[in-house]
Amino acid sequence: MDYGWVYQDTEEKYSSGYKLCSAFNMGKFYFILKDVSYSIMRRLTDIEGEVLNLSIRENEMGVLLQQSRTSKIVDYVMKVDSRSPLYATAGGKILLSELPETILDNIIGLMDFTPFTERTITNPASFLENLKIARERGFATDEGESLHNTSCIGVPVRGPSNEIIAALSFSGILNELTYEKEMHYYKQLSSAAKEISDQMFHLYKGRIPRADNLQP
């Protein structure tokens, strides 16, 4: 269980864990990820009053896997299972930010960079620079790039070998993100993302077991 081969749910029942699911059934893995993430996301949405999205990558598109909504009459976000271009969202930038260069170049080659607003990044070179900034800062933002007058901020959710398996983001934030807001949301998101990883992979004391450290 500690190394991801099996998963134990809240009723102490076991099922295939991260590594088995990755090898044989990613649908099962994502089902567990949705289940583990929701209560953590729900709690943070209740505290901050903002929508939380959990996204994964499917080729050159982002897929909204899980979501916690607010009680607001209107919140400016897509629904679960929606697909969106990775270049126009904070979560999308996170999902691409640490990919190997060859894979990243291939994915960017599939993108048409159609603008959604006047702020949408439409130049591949500028987008690559955006990914570099996200990688260095540990978070990415969408400043009115997918929808007018809204902002998003996202962080990575990591797997047992520190790889990015999903992106967790506050989405549909009205108006601009100030530096103070960025730092506040970044702290909250990072804590929630780590909690998801810890519960998903049963990590203890912040230790992430790496594949090259496992004994045969």
N, C-alpha and C. Protein backbone atom coordinates (compact mmCIF):
# COMPACT_ATOMS: atom_id res chain seq x y z
N MET A 1 0.82 -1.20 0.00
CA MET A 1 0.00 0.00 0.00
C MET A 1 0.87 1.27 0.00
N ASP A 2 1.96 1.25 0.81
CA ASP A 2 2.84 2.42 0.89
C ASP A 2 3.44 2.77 -0.46
N TYR A 3 3.65 1.77 -1.32
CA TYR A 3 4.32 2.01 -2.59
C TYR A 3 3.36 2.02 -3.78
N GLY A 4 2.05 2.10 -3.50
CA GLY A 4 1.11 2.36 -4.57
C GLY A 4 0.55 1.17 -5.31
N TRP A 5 0.85 -0.05 -4.86
CA TRP A 5 0.33 -1.20 -5.58
C TRP A 5 -1.12 -1.49 -5.26
N VAL A 6 -1.55 -1.19 -4.03
CA VAL A 6 -2.95 -1.35 -3.65
C VAL A 6 -3.43 -0.08 -2.97
N TYR A 7 -4.74 0.11 -2.93
CA TYR A 7 -5.39 1.28 -2.32
C TYR A 7 -6.39 0.79 -1.29
N GLN A 8 -6.42 1.45 -0.12
CA GLN A 8 -7.37 1.10 0.93
C GLN A 8 -8.37 2.25 1.09
N ASP A 9 -9.66 1.96 0.93
CA ASP A 9 -10.66 3.01 1.02
C ASP A 9 -11.07 3.26 2.46
N THR A 10 -12.06 4.14 2.64
CA THR A 10 -12.48 4.54 3.98
C THR A 10 -13.12 3.40 4.77
N GLU A 11 -13.53 2.34 4.07
CA GLU A 11 -14.09 1.17 4.74
C GLU A 11 -13.04 0.07 4.94
N GLU A 12 -11.78 0.45 4.71
CA GLU A 12 -10.64 -0.45 4.89
C GLU A 12 -10.65 -1.64 3.93
N LYS A 13 -11.30 -1.45 2.79
CA LYS A 13 -11.28 -2.45 1.74
C LYS A 13 -10.17 -2.10 0.74
N TYR A 14 -9.57 -3.13 0.15
CA TYR A 14 -8.46 -2.92 -0.75
C TYR A 14 -8.89 -3.08 -2.21
N SER A 15 -8.25 -2.28 -3.06
CA SER A 15 -8.43 -2.43 -4.50
C SER A 15 -7.12 -2.08 -5.18
N SER A 16 -7.06 -2.22 -6.49
CA SER A 16 -5.84 -1.95 -7.24
C SER A 16 -5.38 -0.52 -7.02
N GLY A 17 -4.10 -0.36 -6.75
CA GLY A 17 -3.55 0.96 -6.49
C GLY A 17 -3.01 1.64 -7.72
N TYR A 18 -2.25 2.70 -7.51
CA TYR A 18 -1.77 3.58 -8.57
C TYR A 18 -0.98 2.82 -9.63
N LYS A 19 -0.03 1.98 -9.21
CA LYS A 19 0.84 1.34 -10.19
C LYS A 19 0.10 0.29 -11.01
N LEU A 20 -0.73 -0.50 -10.36
CA LEU A 20 -1.50 -1.49 -11.11
C LEU A 20 -2.49 -0.81 -12.04
N CYS A 21 -3.15 0.26 -11.53
CA CYS A 21 -4.11 0.97 -12.37
C CYS A 21 -3.42 1.64 -13.55
N SER A 22 -2.24 2.21 -13.30
CA SER A 22 -1.51 2.87 -14.38
C SER A 22 -1.17 1.87 -15.48
N ALA A 23 -0.85 0.65 -15.07
CA ALA A 23 -0.44 -0.36 -16.04
C ALA A 23 -1.63 -0.96 -16.78
N PHE A 24 -2.76 -1.12 -16.08
CA PHE A 24 -3.85 -1.90 -16.65
C PHE A 24 -5.17 -1.14 -16.82
N ASN A 25 -5.42 -0.12 -16.02
CA ASN A 25 -6.75 0.49 -16.05
C ASN A 25 -6.71 1.91 -15.49
N MET A 26 -6.39 2.90 -16.33
CA MET A 26 -6.31 4.27 -15.86
C MET A 26 -7.68 4.79 -15.42
N GLY A 27 -8.75 4.24 -16.00
CA GLY A 27 -10.09 4.65 -15.59
C GLY A 27 -10.33 4.39 -14.12
N LYS A 28 -9.86 3.24 -13.64
CA LYS A 28 -9.98 2.90 -12.23
C LYS A 28 -9.17 3.86 -11.38
N PHE A 29 -7.97 4.18 -11.82
CA PHE A 29 -7.11 5.11 -11.09
C PHE A 29 -7.78 6.48 -10.97
N TYR A 30 -8.33 6.98 -12.07
CA TYR A 30 -8.97 8.29 -12.02
C TYR A 30 -10.24 8.28 -11.16
N PHE A 31 -10.93 7.15 -11.13
CA PHE A 31 -12.10 7.03 -10.25
C PHE A 31 -11.68 7.18 -8.79
N ILE A 32 -10.58 6.54 -8.42
CA ILE A 32 -10.08 6.66 -7.05
C ILE A 32 -9.62 8.08 -6.77
N LEU A 33 -8.95 8.69 -7.74
CA LEU A 33 -8.47 10.06 -7.57
C LEU A 33 -9.64 11.02 -7.34
N LYS A 34 -10.71 10.86 -8.10
CA LYS A 34 -11.91 11.68 -7.90
C LYS A 34 -12.48 11.50 -6.50
N ASP A 35 -12.53 10.26 -6.06
CA ASP A 35 -13.10 9.94 -4.75
C ASP A 35 -12.27 10.54 -3.63
N VAL A 36 -10.95 10.38 -3.72
CA VAL A 36 -10.06 10.90 -2.69
C VAL A 36 -10.09 12.43 -2.65
N SER A 37 -10.16 13.06 -3.81
CA SER A 37 -10.01 14.51 -3.90
C SER A 37 -11.23 15.29 -3.42
N TYR A 38 -12.42 14.72 -3.58
CA TYR A 38 -13.61 15.56 -3.42
C TYR A 38 -13.75 16.17 -2.04
N SER A 39 -13.60 15.40 -1.00
CA SER A 39 -13.81 15.95 0.35
C SER A 39 -12.80 17.03 0.67
N ILE A 40 -11.58 16.88 0.18
CA ILE A 40 -10.54 17.89 0.39
C ILE A 40 -10.90 19.16 -0.37
N MET A 41 -11.35 19.01 -1.61
CA MET A 41 -11.74 20.15 -2.41
C MET A 41 -12.97 20.85 -1.84
N ARG A 42 -13.94 20.05 -1.41
CA ARG A 42 -15.17 20.60 -0.84
C ARG A 42 -14.87 21.46 0.38
N ARG A 43 -14.00 20.98 1.22
CA ARG A 43 -13.64 21.72 2.43
C ARG A 43 -12.99 23.06 2.08
N LEU A 44 -12.09 23.05 1.12
CA LEU A 44 -11.39 24.29 0.75
C LEU A 44 -12.32 25.27 0.04
N THR A 45 -13.23 24.77 -0.78
CA THR A 45 -14.23 25.65 -1.41
C THR A 45 -15.10 26.32 -0.36
N ASP A 46 -15.51 25.58 0.66
CA ASP A 46 -16.32 26.16 1.73
C ASP A 46 -15.57 27.25 2.48
N ILE A 47 -14.26 27.10 2.63
CA ILE A 47 -13.44 28.10 3.33
C ILE A 47 -13.25 29.34 2.48
N GLU A 48 -12.90 29.15 1.21
CA GLU A 48 -12.51 30.26 0.35
C GLU A 48 -13.65 30.84 -0.48
N GLY A 49 -14.74 30.10 -0.62
CA GLY A 49 -15.85 30.58 -1.44
C GLY A 49 -15.54 30.63 -2.91
N GLU A 50 -14.62 29.76 -3.36
CA GLU A 50 -14.23 29.71 -4.77
C GLU A 50 -14.35 28.27 -5.29
N VAL A 51 -14.63 28.15 -6.58
CA VAL A 51 -14.71 26.83 -7.21
C VAL A 51 -13.31 26.21 -7.31
N LEU A 52 -13.24 24.92 -7.03
CA LEU A 52 -12.00 24.17 -7.22
C LEU A 52 -12.18 23.17 -8.34
N ASN A 53 -11.20 23.11 -9.24
CA ASN A 53 -11.20 22.15 -10.34
C ASN A 53 -10.00 21.22 -10.23
N LEU A 54 -10.21 19.95 -10.51
CA LEU A 54 -9.13 18.98 -10.62
C LEU A 54 -9.10 18.51 -12.06
N SER A 55 -7.98 18.75 -12.75
CA SER A 55 -7.89 18.47 -14.18
C SER A 55 -6.79 17.47 -14.49
N ILE A 56 -6.98 16.73 -15.57
CA ILE A 56 -5.97 15.82 -16.08
C ILE A 56 -5.78 16.13 -17.56
N ARG A 57 -4.71 15.55 -18.13
CA ARG A 57 -4.44 15.78 -19.55
C ARG A 57 -4.85 14.57 -20.37
N GLU A 58 -5.51 14.85 -21.49
CA GLU A 58 -5.79 13.83 -22.49
C GLU A 58 -5.28 14.35 -23.82
N ASN A 59 -4.08 13.90 -24.18
CA ASN A 59 -3.39 14.40 -25.38
C ASN A 59 -3.19 15.91 -25.28
N GLU A 60 -3.72 16.68 -26.23
CA GLU A 60 -3.50 18.14 -26.19
C GLU A 60 -4.64 18.88 -25.50
N MET A 61 -5.54 18.17 -24.83
CA MET A 61 -6.68 18.78 -24.16
C MET A 61 -6.64 18.52 -22.66
N GLY A 62 -7.24 19.43 -21.90
CA GLY A 62 -7.43 19.22 -20.49
C GLY A 62 -8.83 18.69 -20.24
N VAL A 63 -8.96 17.78 -19.29
CA VAL A 63 -10.25 17.19 -18.95
C VAL A 63 -10.55 17.50 -17.48
N LEU A 64 -11.71 18.06 -17.22
CA LEU A 64 -12.11 18.39 -15.85
C LEU A 64 -12.61 17.13 -15.17
N LEU A 65 -11.80 16.60 -14.26
CA LEU A 65 -12.08 15.31 -13.64
C LEU A 65 -12.99 15.42 -12.41
N GLN A 66 -12.76 16.44 -11.58
CA GLN A 66 -13.54 16.62 -10.36
C GLN A 66 -13.71 18.12 -10.09
N GLN A 67 -14.74 18.45 -9.33
CA GLN A 67 -15.04 19.87 -9.09
C GLN A 67 -15.82 20.03 -7.80
N SER A 68 -15.55 21.11 -7.08
CA SER A 68 -16.38 21.50 -5.94
C SER A 68 -16.91 22.90 -6.22
N ARG A 69 -18.23 23.02 -6.26
CA ARG A 69 -18.89 24.27 -6.64
C ARG A 69 -19.24 25.09 -5.41
N THR A 70 -19.53 26.37 -5.63
CA THR A 70 -19.95 27.27 -4.56
C THR A 70 -21.47 27.34 -4.51
N SER A 71 -21.97 28.09 -3.55
CA SER A 71 -23.41 28.30 -3.44
C SER A 71 -23.85 29.56 -4.17
N LYS A 72 -22.92 30.19 -4.91
CA LYS A 72 -23.25 31.40 -5.66
C LYS A 72 -24.27 31.07 -6.75
N ILE A 73 -25.11 32.03 -7.05
CA ILE A 73 -26.11 31.82 -8.11
C ILE A 73 -25.42 31.54 -9.44
N VAL A 74 -24.33 32.24 -9.69
CA VAL A 74 -23.57 32.03 -10.92
C VAL A 74 -22.09 31.89 -10.56
N ASP A 75 -21.45 30.84 -11.04
CA ASP A 75 -19.99 30.78 -10.98
C ASP A 75 -19.50 30.44 -12.39
N TYR A 76 -18.42 31.09 -12.76
CA TYR A 76 -17.99 31.10 -14.16
C TYR A 76 -17.00 29.97 -14.43
N VAL A 77 -17.51 28.74 -14.42
CA VAL A 77 -16.65 27.59 -14.63
C VAL A 77 -17.35 26.54 -15.50
N MET A 78 -16.56 25.67 -16.08
CA MET A 78 -17.10 24.56 -16.88
C MET A 78 -17.57 23.45 -15.95
N LYS A 79 -18.27 22.49 -16.51
CA LYS A 79 -18.77 21.35 -15.75
C LYS A 79 -17.79 20.18 -15.83
N VAL A 80 -17.94 19.25 -14.88
CA VAL A 80 -17.13 18.04 -14.86
C VAL A 80 -17.24 17.31 -16.20
N ASP A 81 -16.13 16.77 -16.64
CA ASP A 81 -15.97 16.05 -17.91
C ASP A 81 -15.81 16.98 -19.12
N SER A 82 -15.88 18.30 -18.88
CA SER A 82 -15.63 19.23 -19.98
C SER A 82 -14.17 19.15 -20.43
N ARG A 83 -13.95 19.46 -21.69
CA ARG A 83 -12.60 19.50 -22.24
C ARG A 83 -12.26 20.92 -22.66
N SER A 84 -11.01 21.30 -22.45
CA SER A 84 -10.58 22.65 -22.80
C SER A 84 -9.14 22.63 -23.29
N PRO A 85 -8.77 23.56 -24.17
CA PRO A 85 -7.39 23.63 -24.65
C PRO A 85 -6.43 23.93 -23.50
N LEU A 86 -5.32 23.23 -23.45
CA LEU A 86 -4.39 23.38 -22.34
C LEU A 86 -3.72 24.75 -22.30
N TYR A 87 -3.64 25.43 -23.45
CA TYR A 87 -2.91 26.69 -23.48
C TYR A 87 -3.68 27.85 -22.84
N ALA A 88 -4.97 27.65 -22.55
CA ALA A 88 -5.79 28.78 -22.09
C ALA A 88 -6.21 28.67 -20.62
N THR A 89 -5.66 27.71 -19.89
CA THR A 89 -6.07 27.54 -18.49
C THR A 89 -4.85 27.39 -17.60
N ALA A 90 -5.02 27.74 -16.33
CA ALA A 90 -3.94 27.57 -15.35
C ALA A 90 -3.61 26.10 -15.17
N GLY A 91 -4.66 25.27 -15.06
CA GLY A 91 -4.44 23.84 -14.91
C GLY A 91 -3.73 23.23 -16.10
N GLY A 92 -4.08 23.69 -17.29
CA GLY A 92 -3.43 23.19 -18.50
C GLY A 92 -1.95 23.49 -18.51
N LYS A 93 -1.58 24.68 -18.09
CA LYS A 93 -0.16 25.04 -18.04
C LYS A 93 0.59 24.16 -17.06
N ILE A 94 -0.04 23.88 -15.91
CA ILE A 94 0.59 22.99 -14.93
C ILE A 94 0.82 21.61 -15.52
N LEU A 95 -0.18 21.07 -16.20
CA LEU A 95 -0.10 19.73 -16.73
C LEU A 95 1.00 19.58 -17.79
N LEU A 96 1.36 20.67 -18.43
CA LEU A 96 2.39 20.64 -19.46
C LEU A 96 3.76 21.08 -18.94
N SER A 97 3.82 21.69 -17.80
CA SER A 97 5.00 22.44 -17.36
C SER A 97 6.26 21.58 -17.17
N GLU A 98 6.11 20.29 -16.88
CA GLU A 98 7.30 19.47 -16.61
C GLU A 98 7.44 18.30 -17.58
N LEU A 99 6.74 18.36 -18.70
CA LEU A 99 6.86 17.28 -19.69
C LEU A 99 8.23 17.33 -20.37
N PRO A 100 8.75 16.18 -20.77
CA PRO A 100 9.99 16.16 -21.57
C PRO A 100 9.83 17.01 -22.83
N GLU A 101 10.91 17.61 -23.25
CA GLU A 101 10.86 18.57 -24.36
C GLU A 101 10.27 17.98 -25.63
N THR A 102 10.64 16.76 -25.96
CA THR A 102 10.15 16.14 -27.20
C THR A 102 8.64 15.97 -27.17
N ILE A 103 8.12 15.45 -26.06
CA ILE A 103 6.67 15.26 -25.92
C ILE A 103 5.96 16.61 -25.94
N LEU A 104 6.52 17.57 -25.23
CA LEU A 104 5.91 18.90 -25.18
C LEU A 104 5.84 19.52 -26.57
N ASP A 105 6.92 19.42 -27.32
CA ASP A 105 6.92 19.98 -28.68
C ASP A 105 5.85 19.33 -29.55
N ASN A 106 5.68 18.02 -29.41
CA ASN A 106 4.66 17.32 -30.20
C ASN A 106 3.26 17.79 -29.84
N ILE A 107 3.00 17.97 -28.54
CA ILE A 107 1.67 18.41 -28.09
C ILE A 107 1.39 19.84 -28.55
N ILE A 108 2.36 20.72 -28.39
CA ILE A 108 2.17 22.10 -28.81
C ILE A 108 1.94 22.16 -30.33
N GLY A 109 2.56 21.25 -31.06
CA GLY A 109 2.36 21.20 -32.51
C GLY A 109 0.93 20.87 -32.90
N LEU A 110 0.17 20.27 -31.99
CA LEU A 110 -1.23 19.93 -32.27
C LEU A 110 -2.19 21.08 -31.94
N MET A 111 -1.70 22.10 -31.24
CA MET A 111 -2.57 23.18 -30.78
C MET A 111 -2.77 24.25 -31.85
N ASP A 112 -3.99 24.76 -31.95
CA ASP A 112 -4.24 25.81 -32.93
C ASP A 112 -4.18 27.21 -32.33
N PHE A 113 -4.11 27.30 -31.00
CA PHE A 113 -4.00 28.57 -30.28
C PHE A 113 -5.09 29.57 -30.70
N THR A 114 -6.31 29.09 -30.84
CA THR A 114 -7.44 29.96 -31.11
C THR A 114 -7.70 30.85 -29.91
N PRO A 115 -7.80 32.16 -30.08
CA PRO A 115 -8.02 33.05 -28.92
C PRO A 115 -9.45 33.00 -28.40
N PHE A 116 -9.59 33.04 -27.07
CA PHE A 116 -10.89 33.13 -26.43
C PHE A 116 -11.17 34.56 -25.97
N THR A 117 -10.11 35.27 -25.63
CA THR A 117 -10.20 36.69 -25.26
C THR A 117 -8.97 37.37 -25.86
N GLU A 118 -8.87 38.68 -25.66
CA GLU A 118 -7.70 39.40 -26.15
C GLU A 118 -6.44 39.04 -25.37
N ARG A 119 -6.60 38.35 -24.24
CA ARG A 119 -5.44 37.97 -23.41
C ARG A 119 -4.97 36.54 -23.66
N THR A 120 -5.69 35.79 -24.45
CA THR A 120 -5.30 34.40 -24.72
C THR A 120 -3.92 34.37 -25.38
N ILE A 121 -3.06 33.48 -24.89
CA ILE A 121 -1.74 33.30 -25.49
C ILE A 121 -1.89 32.57 -26.82
N THR A 122 -1.46 33.20 -27.89
CA THR A 122 -1.64 32.62 -29.23
C THR A 122 -0.31 32.35 -29.92
N ASN A 123 0.79 32.60 -29.23
CA ASN A 123 2.11 32.40 -29.81
C ASN A 123 2.82 31.25 -29.08
N PRO A 124 3.24 30.20 -29.80
CA PRO A 124 3.88 29.06 -29.15
C PRO A 124 5.11 29.43 -28.31
N ALA A 125 5.92 30.36 -28.80
CA ALA A 125 7.12 30.76 -28.06
C ALA A 125 6.74 31.44 -26.74
N SER A 126 5.73 32.29 -26.79
CA SER A 126 5.26 32.95 -25.57
C SER A 126 4.67 31.93 -24.59
N PHE A 127 3.99 30.93 -25.13
CA PHE A 127 3.41 29.90 -24.28
C PHE A 127 4.51 29.08 -23.59
N LEU A 128 5.57 28.75 -24.32
CA LEU A 128 6.69 28.02 -23.72
C LEU A 128 7.32 28.83 -22.60
N GLU A 129 7.41 30.13 -22.77
CA GLU A 129 7.94 30.99 -21.72
C GLU A 129 7.02 30.98 -20.50
N ASN A 130 5.73 30.95 -20.75
CA ASN A 130 4.75 30.84 -19.67
C ASN A 130 4.93 29.54 -18.89
N LEU A 131 5.18 28.46 -19.58
CA LEU A 131 5.40 27.17 -18.93
C LEU A 131 6.67 27.19 -18.08
N LYS A 132 7.69 27.85 -18.58
CA LYS A 132 8.94 27.97 -17.82
C LYS A 132 8.70 28.72 -16.51
N ILE A 133 7.92 29.80 -16.58
CA ILE A 133 7.61 30.58 -15.38
C ILE A 133 6.81 29.73 -14.39
N ALA A 134 5.84 28.99 -14.90
CA ALA A 134 5.03 28.12 -14.03
C ALA A 134 5.90 27.06 -13.36
N ARG A 135 6.83 26.51 -14.09
CA ARG A 135 7.73 25.49 -13.54
C ARG A 135 8.59 26.07 -12.44
N GLU A 136 9.07 27.28 -12.63
CA GLU A 136 9.94 27.92 -11.63
C GLU A 136 9.17 28.35 -10.39
N ARG A 137 7.95 28.83 -10.57
CA ARG A 137 7.17 29.34 -9.44
C ARG A 137 6.42 28.24 -8.69
N GLY A 138 6.12 27.16 -9.38
CA GLY A 138 5.36 26.09 -8.74
C GLY A 138 3.86 26.28 -8.86
N PHE A 139 3.42 27.28 -9.59
CA PHE A 139 2.01 27.49 -9.86
C PHE A 139 1.86 28.23 -11.18
N ALA A 140 0.65 28.15 -11.74
CA ALA A 140 0.36 28.84 -13.00
C ALA A 140 -0.92 29.65 -12.84
N THR A 141 -1.07 30.67 -13.66
CA THR A 141 -2.27 31.50 -13.61
C THR A 141 -2.89 31.63 -14.99
N ASP A 142 -4.15 31.95 -14.99
CA ASP A 142 -4.91 32.31 -16.20
C ASP A 142 -5.54 33.65 -15.89
N GLU A 143 -5.01 34.69 -16.49
CA GLU A 143 -5.47 36.06 -16.22
C GLU A 143 -6.39 36.52 -17.35
N GLY A 144 -7.64 36.08 -17.31
CA GLY A 144 -8.58 36.46 -18.34
C GLY A 144 -8.28 35.87 -19.70
N GLU A 145 -7.55 34.75 -19.74
CA GLU A 145 -7.14 34.15 -21.01
C GLU A 145 -8.21 33.23 -21.60
N SER A 146 -9.05 32.67 -20.73
CA SER A 146 -10.11 31.78 -21.22
C SER A 146 -11.49 32.42 -21.13
N LEU A 147 -11.65 33.39 -20.22
CA LEU A 147 -12.93 34.07 -20.03
C LEU A 147 -12.68 35.47 -19.51
N HIS A 148 -13.39 36.45 -20.07
CA HIS A 148 -13.21 37.84 -19.67
C HIS A 148 -13.45 38.04 -18.18
N ASN A 149 -12.62 38.89 -17.56
CA ASN A 149 -12.81 39.35 -16.18
C ASN A 149 -12.78 38.25 -15.13
N THR A 150 -12.15 37.13 -15.45
CA THR A 150 -11.98 36.08 -14.46
C THR A 150 -10.52 35.62 -14.44
N SER A 151 -10.12 35.07 -13.30
CA SER A 151 -8.75 34.57 -13.15
C SER A 151 -8.78 33.16 -12.57
N CYS A 152 -7.70 32.44 -12.78
CA CYS A 152 -7.53 31.10 -12.21
C CYS A 152 -6.09 30.96 -11.74
N ILE A 153 -5.88 30.10 -10.76
CA ILE A 153 -4.53 29.79 -10.30
C ILE A 153 -4.49 28.30 -9.99
N GLY A 154 -3.43 27.62 -10.46
CA GLY A 154 -3.36 26.17 -10.31
C GLY A 154 -2.00 25.68 -9.87
N VAL A 155 -1.99 24.52 -9.21
CA VAL A 155 -0.75 23.89 -8.75
C VAL A 155 -0.77 22.41 -9.15
N PRO A 156 0.38 21.76 -9.14
CA PRO A 156 0.41 20.33 -9.48
C PRO A 156 -0.01 19.43 -8.33
N VAL A 157 -0.65 18.31 -8.68
CA VAL A 157 -0.85 17.19 -7.77
C VAL A 157 0.12 16.12 -8.24
N ARG A 158 0.94 15.62 -7.33
CA ARG A 158 2.05 14.76 -7.73
C ARG A 158 1.84 13.31 -7.34
N GLY A 159 2.48 12.43 -8.12
CA GLY A 159 2.44 11.00 -7.87
C GLY A 159 3.60 10.55 -7.02
N PRO A 160 3.75 9.25 -6.84
CA PRO A 160 4.76 8.72 -5.92
C PRO A 160 6.20 8.93 -6.36
N SER A 161 6.43 9.22 -7.63
CA SER A 161 7.78 9.53 -8.10
C SER A 161 7.93 11.01 -8.42
N ASN A 162 7.04 11.81 -7.81
CA ASN A 162 7.06 13.27 -7.94
C ASN A 162 6.58 13.77 -9.29
N GLU A 163 6.03 12.88 -10.13
CA GLU A 163 5.50 13.29 -11.42
C GLU A 163 4.15 13.98 -11.24
N ILE A 164 3.83 14.88 -12.16
CA ILE A 164 2.54 15.57 -12.11
C ILE A 164 1.47 14.65 -12.68
N ILE A 165 0.46 14.35 -11.86
CA ILE A 165 -0.63 13.47 -12.32
C ILE A 165 -1.92 14.25 -12.55
N ALA A 166 -2.02 15.46 -12.00
CA ALA A 166 -3.23 16.26 -12.15
C ALA A 166 -2.90 17.70 -11.78
N ALA A 167 -3.84 18.59 -12.04
CA ALA A 167 -3.70 19.99 -11.66
C ALA A 167 -4.90 20.39 -10.81
N LEU A 168 -4.63 21.08 -9.71
CA LEU A 168 -5.68 21.56 -8.82
C LEU A 168 -5.73 23.08 -8.91
N SER A 169 -6.90 23.63 -9.20
CA SER A 169 -6.96 25.07 -9.43
C SER A 169 -8.21 25.72 -8.86
N PHE A 170 -8.04 26.94 -8.35
CA PHE A 170 -9.17 27.81 -8.10
C PHE A 170 -9.53 28.43 -9.44
N SER A 171 -10.80 28.35 -9.83
CA SER A 171 -11.21 28.80 -11.15
C SER A 171 -12.39 29.75 -11.08
N GLY A 172 -12.47 30.65 -12.05
CA GLY A 172 -13.58 31.59 -12.11
C GLY A 172 -13.51 32.67 -11.06
N ILE A 173 -12.30 33.01 -10.60
CA ILE A 173 -12.13 34.10 -9.64
C ILE A 173 -12.40 35.42 -10.35
N LEU A 174 -13.29 36.20 -9.82
CA LEU A 174 -13.62 37.47 -10.46
C LEU A 174 -12.49 38.47 -10.28
N ASN A 175 -12.21 39.23 -11.35
CA ASN A 175 -11.21 40.29 -11.34
C ASN A 175 -9.77 39.77 -11.32
N GLU A 176 -8.83 40.69 -11.15
CA GLU A 176 -7.41 40.37 -11.26
C GLU A 176 -6.89 39.66 -10.01
N LEU A 177 -5.83 38.91 -10.20
CA LEU A 177 -5.12 38.30 -9.07
C LEU A 177 -3.98 39.21 -8.65
N THR A 178 -4.07 39.77 -7.46
CA THR A 178 -2.95 40.55 -6.93
C THR A 178 -1.88 39.59 -6.42
N TYR A 179 -0.70 40.12 -6.14
CA TYR A 179 0.37 39.28 -5.61
C TYR A 179 -0.05 38.64 -4.29
N GLU A 180 -0.73 39.42 -3.44
CA GLU A 180 -1.17 38.90 -2.15
C GLU A 180 -2.17 37.76 -2.33
N LYS A 181 -3.09 37.91 -3.28
CA LYS A 181 -4.06 36.85 -3.55
C LYS A 181 -3.36 35.61 -4.10
N GLU A 182 -2.40 35.81 -5.00
CA GLU A 182 -1.66 34.68 -5.55
C GLU A 182 -1.00 33.87 -4.46
N MET A 183 -0.32 34.57 -3.55
CA MET A 183 0.40 33.87 -2.48
C MET A 183 -0.58 33.16 -1.54
N HIS A 184 -1.70 33.79 -1.26
CA HIS A 184 -2.71 33.18 -0.39
C HIS A 184 -3.28 31.92 -1.04
N TYR A 185 -3.71 32.03 -2.29
CA TYR A 185 -4.30 30.89 -2.97
C TYR A 185 -3.26 29.79 -3.21
N TYR A 186 -2.04 30.18 -3.52
CA TYR A 186 -0.97 29.21 -3.74
C TYR A 186 -0.74 28.36 -2.49
N LYS A 187 -0.70 29.01 -1.34
CA LYS A 187 -0.49 28.28 -0.09
C LYS A 187 -1.63 27.30 0.17
N GLN A 188 -2.86 27.74 -0.04
CA GLN A 188 -4.02 26.89 0.19
C GLN A 188 -4.05 25.71 -0.79
N LEU A 189 -3.78 26.00 -2.05
CA LEU A 189 -3.79 24.96 -3.08
C LEU A 189 -2.68 23.93 -2.85
N SER A 190 -1.50 24.40 -2.51
CA SER A 190 -0.37 23.49 -2.30
C SER A 190 -0.64 22.54 -1.15
N SER A 191 -1.23 23.06 -0.09
CA SER A 191 -1.57 22.22 1.05
C SER A 191 -2.60 21.17 0.67
N ALA A 192 -3.62 21.58 -0.09
CA ALA A 192 -4.67 20.65 -0.52
C ALA A 192 -4.11 19.61 -1.50
N ALA A 193 -3.24 20.03 -2.42
CA ALA A 193 -2.64 19.10 -3.38
C ALA A 193 -1.79 18.06 -2.67
N LYS A 194 -1.05 18.47 -1.67
CA LYS A 194 -0.24 17.52 -0.91
C LYS A 194 -1.13 16.55 -0.14
N GLU A 195 -2.24 17.05 0.40
CA GLU A 195 -3.15 16.18 1.12
C GLU A 195 -3.76 15.13 0.19
N ILE A 196 -4.09 15.54 -1.03
CA ILE A 196 -4.61 14.59 -2.00
C ILE A 196 -3.56 13.52 -2.30
N SER A 197 -2.31 13.94 -2.54
CA SER A 197 -1.25 12.99 -2.82
C SER A 197 -1.01 12.05 -1.64
N ASP A 198 -0.99 12.60 -0.44
CA ASP A 198 -0.76 11.77 0.75
C ASP A 198 -1.85 10.72 0.92
N GLN A 199 -3.09 11.12 0.71
CA GLN A 199 -4.18 10.17 0.85
C GLN A 199 -4.22 9.18 -0.32
N MET A 200 -3.90 9.68 -1.48
CA MET A 200 -3.95 8.82 -2.67
C MET A 200 -2.89 7.73 -2.62
N PHE A 201 -1.72 8.09 -2.17
CA PHE A 201 -0.59 7.16 -2.21
C PHE A 201 -0.12 6.73 -0.83
N HIS A 202 -0.87 7.11 0.21
CA HIS A 202 -0.55 6.72 1.58
C HIS A 202 0.91 7.04 1.92
N LEU A 203 1.27 8.29 1.66
CA LEU A 203 2.62 8.73 1.97
C LEU A 203 2.66 9.24 3.41
N TYR A 204 3.77 9.04 4.05
CA TYR A 204 3.90 9.44 5.44
C TYR A 204 5.09 10.38 5.62
N LYS A 205 4.89 11.37 6.51
CA LYS A 205 5.93 12.32 6.87
C LYS A 205 6.52 13.03 5.66
N GLY A 206 5.67 13.26 4.65
CA GLY A 206 6.11 14.02 3.49
C GLY A 206 7.06 13.26 2.58
N ARG A 207 7.31 11.96 2.82
CA ARG A 207 8.26 11.19 2.02
C ARG A 207 7.55 10.63 0.79
N ILE A 208 8.11 10.89 -0.36
CA ILE A 208 7.55 10.35 -1.60
C ILE A 208 8.48 9.25 -2.09
N PRO A 209 8.07 7.97 -2.01
CA PRO A 209 8.93 6.89 -2.48
C PRO A 209 9.14 6.96 -3.98
N ARG A 210 10.35 6.90 -4.41
CA ARG A 210 10.65 6.95 -5.84
C ARG A 210 10.87 5.52 -6.36
N ALA A 211 10.54 5.34 -7.64
CA ALA A 211 10.61 4.01 -8.23
C ALA A 211 12.01 3.42 -8.14
N ASP A 212 13.06 4.27 -8.26
CA ASP A 212 14.42 3.74 -8.25
C ASP A 212 14.90 3.36 -6.85
N ASN A 213 14.08 3.65 -5.83
CA ASN A 213 14.43 3.27 -4.46
C ASN A 213 13.75 1.98 -4.03
N LEU A 214 12.86 1.44 -4.85
CA LEU A 214 12.13 0.25 -4.46
C LEU A 214 13.01 -0.99 -4.59
N GLN A 215 12.87 -1.89 -3.60
CA GLN A 215 13.65 -3.12 -3.63
C GLN A 215 12.89 -4.18 -4.43
N PRO A 216 13.59 -4.99 -5.21
CA PRO A 216 12.94 -6.04 -5.98
C PRO A 216 12.34 -7.10 -5.07
